Amino acid sequence: MGVFALLLAMWPANMHHAMAQVQVEGLPASQAALWVRVPLQLVLLAWAWWYTRD
């Protein structure tokens, strides 16, 4: 359940990075990579929820 909480807590930061086009120093600029992360995080959230349910 901790992984689910962490992924959920990081959701606003990932959305902000994608919408504001925040560049990480030392990494190549890739707007596509920022937006790929958003749906991937939804998949990981679903996976964490499914794996930890009773």
N, C-alpha and C. Protein backbone atom coordinates (compact mmCIF):
# COMPACT_ATOMS: atom_id res chain seq x y z
N MET A 1 0.83 -1.19 0.00
CA MET A 1 0.00 0.00 0.00
C MET A 1 0.87 1.26 0.00
N GLY A 2 2.09 1.15 0.49
CA GLY A 2 2.99 2.30 0.51
C GLY A 2 3.37 2.76 -0.88
N VAL A 3 3.55 1.82 -1.81
CA VAL A 3 3.89 2.18 -3.19
C VAL A 3 2.72 2.94 -3.82
N PHE A 4 1.50 2.48 -3.55
CA PHE A 4 0.32 3.17 -4.07
C PHE A 4 0.27 4.60 -3.54
N ALA A 5 0.51 4.77 -2.25
CA ALA A 5 0.48 6.11 -1.65
C ALA A 5 1.57 7.00 -2.26
N LEU A 6 2.74 6.45 -2.48
CA LEU A 6 3.83 7.23 -3.08
C LEU A 6 3.49 7.66 -4.50
N LEU A 7 2.97 6.73 -5.31
CA LEU A 7 2.59 7.06 -6.67
C LEU A 7 1.48 8.12 -6.70
N LEU A 8 0.54 8.00 -5.79
CA LEU A 8 -0.55 8.97 -5.71
C LEU A 8 -0.03 10.34 -5.28
N ALA A 9 0.90 10.36 -4.36
CA ALA A 9 1.47 11.62 -3.89
C ALA A 9 2.31 12.30 -4.97
N MET A 10 2.90 11.53 -5.87
CA MET A 10 3.73 12.10 -6.92
C MET A 10 2.94 12.56 -8.14
N TRP A 11 1.66 12.20 -8.20
CA TRP A 11 0.83 12.55 -9.34
C TRP A 11 0.81 14.06 -9.62
N PRO A 12 0.57 14.92 -8.63
CA PRO A 12 0.57 16.37 -8.92
C PRO A 12 1.91 16.88 -9.44
N ALA A 13 3.00 16.35 -8.95
CA ALA A 13 4.32 16.79 -9.41
C ALA A 13 4.54 16.39 -10.87
N ASN A 14 4.14 15.17 -11.23
CA ASN A 14 4.30 14.73 -12.61
C ASN A 14 3.42 15.54 -13.56
N MET A 15 2.21 15.86 -13.14
CA MET A 15 1.34 16.70 -13.96
C MET A 15 1.94 18.09 -14.12
N HIS A 16 2.47 18.65 -13.06
CA HIS A 16 3.08 19.98 -13.12
C HIS A 16 4.26 19.98 -14.09
N HIS A 17 5.10 18.96 -13.99
CA HIS A 17 6.27 18.88 -14.87
C HIS A 17 5.84 18.80 -16.33
N ALA A 18 4.80 18.02 -16.61
CA ALA A 18 4.35 17.86 -17.99
C ALA A 18 3.71 19.15 -18.51
N MET A 19 2.87 19.78 -17.72
CA MET A 19 2.15 20.97 -18.19
C MET A 19 3.05 22.20 -18.23
N ALA A 20 3.98 22.33 -17.31
CA ALA A 20 4.87 23.50 -17.26
C ALA A 20 6.15 23.29 -18.06
N GLN A 21 6.30 22.10 -18.64
CA GLN A 21 7.48 21.75 -19.43
C GLN A 21 8.78 21.98 -18.64
N VAL A 22 8.80 21.51 -17.42
CA VAL A 22 9.97 21.65 -16.55
C VAL A 22 11.09 20.76 -17.07
N GLN A 23 12.26 21.33 -17.22
CA GLN A 23 13.42 20.57 -17.68
C GLN A 23 14.31 20.23 -16.50
N VAL A 24 14.77 18.99 -16.45
CA VAL A 24 15.67 18.54 -15.40
C VAL A 24 17.09 18.77 -15.90
N GLU A 25 17.89 19.44 -15.09
CA GLU A 25 19.25 19.76 -15.49
C GLU A 25 20.06 18.48 -15.72
N GLY A 26 20.75 18.46 -16.83
CA GLY A 26 21.59 17.31 -17.15
C GLY A 26 20.90 16.25 -18.00
N LEU A 27 19.59 16.38 -18.20
CA LEU A 27 18.86 15.42 -19.03
C LEU A 27 18.43 16.10 -20.33
N PRO A 28 18.37 15.35 -21.42
CA PRO A 28 17.94 15.95 -22.68
C PRO A 28 16.47 16.40 -22.61
N ALA A 29 16.16 17.48 -23.28
CA ALA A 29 14.79 18.02 -23.29
C ALA A 29 13.90 17.10 -24.12
N SER A 30 12.90 16.52 -23.49
CA SER A 30 11.97 15.65 -24.19
C SER A 30 10.58 15.84 -23.61
N GLN A 31 9.77 16.61 -24.31
CA GLN A 31 8.40 16.85 -23.86
C GLN A 31 7.60 15.56 -23.90
N ALA A 32 7.88 14.71 -24.87
CA ALA A 32 7.16 13.43 -24.98
C ALA A 32 7.38 12.57 -23.75
N ALA A 33 8.60 12.55 -23.23
CA ALA A 33 8.89 11.74 -22.05
C ALA A 33 8.11 12.22 -20.83
N LEU A 34 7.91 13.54 -20.74
CA LEU A 34 7.14 14.07 -19.62
C LEU A 34 5.69 13.63 -19.69
N TRP A 35 5.12 13.57 -20.90
CA TRP A 35 3.72 13.18 -21.05
C TRP A 35 3.53 11.67 -21.03
N VAL A 36 4.54 10.90 -21.40
CA VAL A 36 4.43 9.44 -21.32
C VAL A 36 4.36 8.99 -19.87
N ARG A 37 5.01 9.73 -19.01
CA ARG A 37 5.04 9.41 -17.59
C ARG A 37 3.66 9.46 -16.94
N VAL A 38 2.79 10.34 -17.44
CA VAL A 38 1.46 10.53 -16.83
C VAL A 38 0.59 9.28 -16.98
N PRO A 39 0.34 8.76 -18.20
CA PRO A 39 -0.48 7.54 -18.28
C PRO A 39 0.23 6.32 -17.70
N LEU A 40 1.56 6.29 -17.79
CA LEU A 40 2.29 5.18 -17.19
C LEU A 40 2.06 5.13 -15.68
N GLN A 41 1.98 6.29 -15.07
CA GLN A 41 1.74 6.33 -13.64
C GLN A 41 0.35 5.80 -13.30
N LEU A 42 -0.63 6.05 -14.16
CA LEU A 42 -1.97 5.49 -13.95
C LEU A 42 -1.95 3.97 -13.99
N VAL A 43 -1.18 3.42 -14.92
CA VAL A 43 -1.04 1.96 -15.01
C VAL A 43 -0.38 1.42 -13.75
N LEU A 44 0.67 2.09 -13.30
CA LEU A 44 1.36 1.65 -12.09
C LEU A 44 0.47 1.77 -10.85
N LEU A 45 -0.35 2.82 -10.79
CA LEU A 45 -1.30 2.96 -9.68
C LEU A 45 -2.30 1.80 -9.67
N ALA A 46 -2.84 1.48 -10.83
CA ALA A 46 -3.79 0.37 -10.92
C ALA A 46 -3.13 -0.95 -10.53
N TRP A 47 -1.91 -1.13 -10.98
CA TRP A 47 -1.17 -2.36 -10.65
C TRP A 47 -0.93 -2.45 -9.15
N ALA A 48 -0.49 -1.37 -8.53
CA ALA A 48 -0.24 -1.37 -7.08
C ALA A 48 -1.52 -1.62 -6.31
N TRP A 49 -2.61 -1.02 -6.75
CA TRP A 49 -3.91 -1.21 -6.07
C TRP A 49 -4.35 -2.68 -6.18
N TRP A 50 -4.25 -3.24 -7.39
CA TRP A 50 -4.68 -4.61 -7.61
C TRP A 50 -3.81 -5.58 -6.81
N TYR A 51 -2.52 -5.35 -6.76
CA TYR A 51 -1.59 -6.26 -6.10
C TYR A 51 -1.74 -6.25 -4.58
N THR A 52 -2.15 -5.11 -4.01
CA THR A 52 -2.20 -5.00 -2.55
C THR A 52 -3.59 -5.19 -1.97
N ARG A 53 -4.60 -5.41 -2.80
CA ARG A 53 -5.95 -5.60 -2.25
C ARG A 53 -6.06 -6.98 -1.58
N ASP A 54 -7.00 -7.07 -0.69
CA ASP A 54 -7.17 -8.33 0.05
C ASP A 54 -7.85 -9.40 -0.78
